N, C-alpha and C. Protein backbone atom coordinates (compact mmCIF):
# COMPACT_ATOMS: atom_id res chain seq x y z
N MET A 1 109.95 100.12 69.96
CA MET A 1 110.40 101.48 70.27
C MET A 1 109.79 101.89 71.53
N THR A 2 110.60 102.56 72.41
CA THR A 2 110.13 103.01 73.64
C THR A 2 109.54 104.35 73.50
N LYS A 3 108.56 104.65 74.34
CA LYS A 3 107.90 105.96 74.29
C LYS A 3 108.61 106.89 75.17
N SER A 4 109.12 108.00 74.54
CA SER A 4 109.92 108.88 75.36
C SER A 4 109.55 110.39 75.14
N ALA A 5 108.78 110.66 74.01
CA ALA A 5 108.35 112.01 73.78
C ALA A 5 107.06 112.34 74.57
N MET A 6 107.00 113.57 75.04
CA MET A 6 105.86 113.97 75.83
C MET A 6 105.05 114.98 75.08
N VAL A 7 103.68 114.89 75.14
CA VAL A 7 102.82 115.87 74.56
C VAL A 7 102.12 116.57 75.71
N ARG A 8 102.10 117.92 75.72
CA ARG A 8 101.38 118.68 76.75
C ARG A 8 100.50 119.65 76.12
N ALA A 9 99.25 119.63 76.60
CA ALA A 9 98.28 120.59 76.03
C ALA A 9 97.37 121.06 77.16
N ARG A 10 96.87 122.22 77.05
CA ARG A 10 95.87 122.76 77.98
C ARG A 10 94.50 122.71 77.30
N VAL A 11 93.56 122.12 78.01
CA VAL A 11 92.15 122.02 77.50
C VAL A 11 91.23 122.36 78.70
N GLU A 12 90.00 122.73 78.34
CA GLU A 12 89.02 123.02 79.37
C GLU A 12 88.77 121.72 80.17
N PRO A 13 88.70 121.88 81.49
CA PRO A 13 88.52 120.74 82.32
C PRO A 13 87.32 119.91 81.99
N ASP A 14 86.17 120.50 81.70
CA ASP A 14 84.96 119.75 81.32
C ASP A 14 85.21 118.90 80.08
N LEU A 15 85.87 119.59 79.08
CA LEU A 15 86.18 118.81 77.85
C LEU A 15 87.03 117.62 78.15
N LYS A 16 88.05 117.80 78.93
CA LYS A 16 88.95 116.71 79.30
C LYS A 16 88.19 115.55 80.03
N ASP A 17 87.36 115.91 80.98
CA ASP A 17 86.55 114.94 81.72
C ASP A 17 85.65 114.18 80.83
N HIS A 18 84.89 114.87 79.94
CA HIS A 18 83.95 114.24 79.09
C HIS A 18 84.70 113.29 78.09
N ALA A 19 85.78 113.75 77.49
CA ALA A 19 86.53 112.93 76.56
C ALA A 19 87.09 111.72 77.23
N GLU A 20 87.65 111.87 78.43
CA GLU A 20 88.26 110.79 79.13
C GLU A 20 87.20 109.77 79.59
N ASN A 21 86.00 110.19 79.92
CA ASN A 21 84.93 109.26 80.21
C ASN A 21 84.62 108.41 79.05
N ILE A 22 84.54 109.02 77.87
CA ILE A 22 84.29 108.27 76.59
C ILE A 22 85.42 107.32 76.33
N PHE A 23 86.64 107.79 76.50
CA PHE A 23 87.84 106.84 76.28
C PHE A 23 87.68 105.66 77.22
N HIS A 24 87.34 105.90 78.51
CA HIS A 24 87.25 104.83 79.47
C HIS A 24 86.17 103.83 79.04
N ARG A 25 85.05 104.28 78.52
CA ARG A 25 83.98 103.39 78.07
C ARG A 25 84.47 102.55 76.91
N MET A 26 85.43 103.07 76.14
CA MET A 26 85.96 102.35 74.99
C MET A 26 87.14 101.49 75.44
N GLY A 27 87.55 101.49 76.67
CA GLY A 27 88.65 100.72 77.17
C GLY A 27 89.99 101.36 76.89
N LEU A 28 90.03 102.70 76.72
CA LEU A 28 91.24 103.41 76.45
C LEU A 28 91.59 104.38 77.51
N ASN A 29 92.83 104.65 77.67
CA ASN A 29 93.23 105.81 78.52
C ASN A 29 93.62 106.99 77.61
N ALA A 30 93.89 108.12 78.17
CA ALA A 30 94.18 109.29 77.40
C ALA A 30 95.40 109.12 76.47
N THR A 31 96.48 108.48 76.98
CA THR A 31 97.70 108.22 76.23
C THR A 31 97.40 107.38 74.97
N GLN A 32 96.60 106.33 75.20
CA GLN A 32 96.25 105.43 74.06
C GLN A 32 95.42 106.17 73.00
N ALA A 33 94.47 107.02 73.47
CA ALA A 33 93.60 107.76 72.54
C ALA A 33 94.42 108.75 71.78
N ILE A 34 95.32 109.46 72.41
CA ILE A 34 96.20 110.47 71.74
C ILE A 34 97.11 109.78 70.75
N THR A 35 97.68 108.59 71.14
CA THR A 35 98.50 107.79 70.24
C THR A 35 97.76 107.40 69.02
N MET A 36 96.52 106.98 69.20
CA MET A 36 95.67 106.54 68.03
C MET A 36 95.41 107.78 67.10
N PHE A 37 95.15 108.94 67.72
CA PHE A 37 94.96 110.15 66.93
C PHE A 37 96.19 110.51 66.14
N TYR A 38 97.36 110.44 66.76
CA TYR A 38 98.62 110.76 66.07
C TYR A 38 98.87 109.73 64.94
N LYS A 39 98.61 108.47 65.20
CA LYS A 39 98.81 107.43 64.25
C LYS A 39 97.93 107.66 63.01
N GLN A 40 96.69 108.05 63.25
CA GLN A 40 95.77 108.38 62.11
C GLN A 40 96.24 109.58 61.33
N VAL A 41 96.76 110.59 62.00
CA VAL A 41 97.31 111.75 61.32
C VAL A 41 98.44 111.28 60.43
N GLU A 42 99.27 110.40 60.96
CA GLU A 42 100.45 109.94 60.19
C GLU A 42 99.98 109.11 59.01
N LEU A 43 99.02 108.20 59.19
CA LEU A 43 98.58 107.34 58.10
C LEU A 43 97.89 108.14 56.97
N ARG A 44 97.06 109.11 57.39
CA ARG A 44 96.26 109.89 56.43
C ARG A 44 97.02 111.05 55.86
N GLY A 45 98.13 111.47 56.49
CA GLY A 45 98.84 112.67 56.00
C GLY A 45 98.08 113.98 56.33
N GLY A 46 97.27 113.91 57.39
CA GLY A 46 96.48 115.05 57.75
C GLY A 46 95.53 114.67 58.86
N LEU A 47 94.59 115.57 59.19
CA LEU A 47 93.69 115.23 60.26
C LEU A 47 92.74 114.08 59.81
N PRO A 48 92.39 113.25 60.76
CA PRO A 48 91.50 112.09 60.39
C PRO A 48 89.98 112.44 60.33
N PHE A 49 89.70 113.74 60.18
CA PHE A 49 88.30 114.15 59.99
C PHE A 49 88.35 115.45 59.17
N ASP A 50 87.23 115.75 58.57
CA ASP A 50 87.15 116.97 57.73
C ASP A 50 87.02 118.21 58.64
N ILE A 51 87.77 119.24 58.22
CA ILE A 51 87.71 120.56 58.89
C ILE A 51 87.30 121.52 57.80
N VAL A 52 86.19 122.27 58.03
CA VAL A 52 85.81 123.19 57.01
C VAL A 52 85.53 124.56 57.64
N ILE A 53 85.72 125.60 56.92
CA ILE A 53 85.44 126.94 57.40
C ILE A 53 84.02 127.26 57.00
N PRO A 54 83.17 127.60 57.90
CA PRO A 54 81.78 127.92 57.49
C PRO A 54 81.71 129.03 56.46
N THR A 55 80.79 128.90 55.57
CA THR A 55 80.58 129.99 54.57
C THR A 55 79.85 131.13 55.29
N PRO A 56 79.80 132.32 54.68
CA PRO A 56 79.04 133.48 55.26
C PRO A 56 77.61 133.11 55.54
N THR A 57 76.99 132.32 54.61
CA THR A 57 75.58 131.91 54.78
C THR A 57 75.43 131.02 55.97
N THR A 58 76.37 130.03 56.13
CA THR A 58 76.34 129.15 57.28
C THR A 58 76.52 129.90 58.62
N LYS A 59 77.47 130.88 58.61
CA LYS A 59 77.69 131.67 59.81
C LYS A 59 76.44 132.44 60.21
N LYS A 60 75.74 133.05 59.20
CA LYS A 60 74.50 133.79 59.50
C LYS A 60 73.42 132.84 60.05
N THR A 61 73.34 131.62 59.48
CA THR A 61 72.35 130.69 59.91
C THR A 61 72.64 130.25 61.33
N PHE A 62 73.88 129.95 61.69
CA PHE A 62 74.29 129.65 63.04
C PHE A 62 73.89 130.76 64.04
N GLU A 63 74.25 131.99 63.66
CA GLU A 63 73.93 133.13 64.51
C GLU A 63 72.40 133.27 64.69
N ALA A 64 71.62 133.12 63.63
CA ALA A 64 70.18 133.26 63.76
C ALA A 64 69.60 132.13 64.59
N THR A 65 70.02 130.92 64.39
CA THR A 65 69.44 129.84 65.19
C THR A 65 69.84 129.90 66.66
N ASP A 66 71.13 130.33 66.87
CA ASP A 66 71.56 130.50 68.30
C ASP A 66 70.76 131.59 68.98
N ALA A 67 70.29 132.56 68.24
CA ALA A 67 69.50 133.59 68.79
C ALA A 67 67.99 133.30 68.85
N GLY A 68 67.62 132.07 68.25
CA GLY A 68 66.31 131.66 68.24
C GLY A 68 65.42 132.26 67.12
N ARG A 69 66.14 132.82 66.10
CA ARG A 69 65.40 133.41 64.92
C ARG A 69 65.40 132.40 63.80
N ASP A 70 64.35 132.62 62.97
CA ASP A 70 64.21 131.87 61.66
C ASP A 70 64.16 130.34 61.90
N LEU A 71 63.57 129.93 62.97
CA LEU A 71 63.43 128.47 63.27
C LEU A 71 62.12 128.01 62.70
N VAL A 72 62.13 126.80 62.17
CA VAL A 72 60.94 126.10 61.77
C VAL A 72 60.73 124.94 62.68
N VAL A 73 59.61 124.98 63.44
CA VAL A 73 59.38 123.89 64.44
C VAL A 73 58.38 122.91 63.80
N CYS A 74 58.72 121.66 63.84
CA CYS A 74 57.90 120.56 63.34
C CYS A 74 57.34 119.71 64.43
N GLU A 75 56.15 119.27 64.25
CA GLU A 75 55.50 118.38 65.24
C GLU A 75 56.10 116.94 65.18
N ASN A 76 56.41 116.51 64.00
CA ASN A 76 57.01 115.14 63.82
C ASN A 76 57.61 115.11 62.42
N ALA A 77 58.10 113.92 62.10
CA ALA A 77 58.80 113.76 60.78
C ALA A 77 57.89 114.08 59.63
N GLU A 78 56.61 113.60 59.70
CA GLU A 78 55.61 113.84 58.66
C GLU A 78 55.43 115.35 58.45
N ASP A 79 55.28 116.06 59.49
CA ASP A 79 55.12 117.51 59.45
C ASP A 79 56.37 118.19 58.83
N MET A 80 57.53 117.69 59.15
CA MET A 80 58.79 118.25 58.58
C MET A 80 58.83 118.01 57.11
N PHE A 81 58.53 116.81 56.67
CA PHE A 81 58.54 116.49 55.23
C PHE A 81 57.51 117.36 54.51
N GLN A 82 56.36 117.58 55.11
CA GLN A 82 55.35 118.42 54.43
C GLN A 82 55.83 119.88 54.31
N LYS A 83 56.44 120.35 55.38
CA LYS A 83 56.96 121.73 55.29
C LYS A 83 58.13 121.89 54.34
N LEU A 84 58.88 120.79 54.11
CA LEU A 84 59.94 120.75 53.16
C LEU A 84 59.45 120.52 51.72
N GLY A 85 58.20 120.14 51.66
CA GLY A 85 57.61 119.83 50.27
C GLY A 85 58.14 118.51 49.74
N ILE A 86 58.44 117.63 50.62
CA ILE A 86 58.94 116.28 50.22
C ILE A 86 57.82 115.29 50.28
């Protein structure tokens, strides 16, 4: 089957550059990567990764950590486990 359909999308230039650099390291070009994505959508009958809507608690946690609030800083893994009570 010949490829004749075109997909056009606008993305942030930095996102495009970063993604295409990763594709290049994997030996792919953008067309091949997009084709693989579409094929996975077709095979799975949906997106090939989980998409979730954050809960209100998760949103509050994201906002707090982004603002630098309610952070627990650990010196190392042992300190983290101790603070977690593990």
